[in-house]
Protein backbone atom coordinates (compact mmCIF):
# COMPACT_ATOMS: atom_id res chain seq x y z
CA MET A 1 -19.15 -33.39 2.61
CA ILE A 2 -22.27 -34.21 0.77
CA ALA A 3 -25.85 -33.07 1.35
CA VAL A 4 -28.52 -35.56 1.55
CA THR A 5 -32.22 -35.92 2.90
CA LYS A 6 -33.22 -38.16 5.78
CA LEU A 7 -36.83 -39.41 5.62
CA ASN A 8 -38.20 -36.93 8.07
CA GLY A 9 -37.22 -33.95 5.58
CA GLU A 10 -34.01 -32.94 7.91
CA SER A 11 -30.61 -32.46 5.80
CA LEU A 12 -27.57 -34.23 6.71
CA PHE A 13 -24.10 -33.88 5.45
CA LEU A 14 -21.96 -37.07 5.16
CA ASN A 15 -18.17 -37.08 4.81
CA ALA A 16 -18.04 -38.87 1.29
CA LEU A 17 -15.15 -40.56 2.10
CA LEU A 18 -17.03 -42.58 4.87
CA ILE A 19 -19.37 -44.00 2.43
CA GLU A 20 -18.97 -47.77 1.53
CA THR A 21 -22.04 -48.60 -0.37
CA VAL A 22 -25.14 -46.98 -1.84
CA GLU A 23 -28.10 -49.20 -2.42
CA GLU A 24 -31.80 -48.58 -3.70
CA THR A 25 -34.31 -51.07 -2.69
CA PRO A 26 -36.50 -49.09 -3.54
CA ASP A 27 -35.43 -46.97 -0.48
CA THR A 28 -32.10 -45.37 -0.97
CA TYR A 29 -29.84 -46.99 1.78
CA ILE A 30 -26.22 -45.60 2.27
CA THR A 31 -23.64 -47.72 4.26
CA LEU A 32 -20.68 -46.17 5.89
CA ILE A 33 -17.42 -47.87 6.57
CA THR A 34 -18.39 -47.81 10.25
CA GLY A 35 -21.51 -50.37 9.34
CA LYS A 36 -23.97 -47.32 10.24
CA ARG A 37 -26.65 -47.26 7.58
CA LEU A 38 -28.91 -44.64 6.71
CA ILE A 39 -32.25 -44.04 4.73
CA VAL A 40 -32.44 -41.01 2.57
CA LEU A 41 -34.72 -39.45 -0.09
CA GLU A 42 -32.40 -39.08 -2.65
CA LYS A 43 -32.28 -41.87 -5.62
CA ALA A 44 -29.23 -44.01 -5.36
CA GLU A 45 -27.65 -42.38 -8.63
CA GLU A 46 -28.16 -39.02 -7.22
CA VAL A 47 -25.79 -39.67 -4.10
CA ILE A 48 -23.64 -41.38 -6.40
CA ASP A 49 -23.25 -38.21 -8.55
CA LYS A 50 -22.73 -36.22 -5.45
CA ILE A 51 -19.86 -38.40 -4.27
CA LYS A 52 -18.46 -38.27 -7.53
CA GLU A 53 -18.52 -34.23 -7.50
CA TYR A 54 -17.17 -34.39 -4.23
CA ASN A 55 -14.29 -36.31 -5.04
CA ARG A 56 -13.48 -34.25 -8.16
CA GLY A 57 -13.74 -31.16 -5.93
CA ILE A 58 -10.89 -32.60 -3.75
CA GLY A 59 -8.97 -34.05 -6.50
CA ILE A 60 -9.31 -37.62 -5.53
CA HIS A 61 -11.14 -38.47 -9.15
CA ALA A 62 -8.18 -37.08 -11.22
CA ALA A 63 -5.58 -38.94 -8.95
CA THR A 64 -7.18 -42.42 -9.25
CA ILE A 65 -7.67 -41.95 -12.93
CA LYS A 66 -3.87 -41.37 -13.18
CA LEU A 67 -3.15 -44.27 -11.02
CA GLN A 68 -5.31 -46.18 -13.20
CA GLN A 69 -3.51 -45.22 -16.38
CA GLN A 70 -0.01 -45.93 -14.92
CA THR A 71 -1.21 -49.14 -13.84
CA GLU A 72 -2.39 -50.22 -17.17
CA ASP A 73 0.65 -48.80 -18.87
CA MET A 74 2.80 -51.54 -17.03
């Protein structure tokens, strides 16, 4: 889970694996794979950094890098 802040200042915890897109226009919108969209106070880059940190913490980042290296070796 990653912590983000709703526009009213309340904290919200999102399952990072359900995030499909993060865009900044200039508000930061997070779109989940369910189609639900959220507006948060954090900048898009900050949300993306939190997602990357979460992925490293659960081992997905390392698994993705390893899979890419295996694919490139073929």
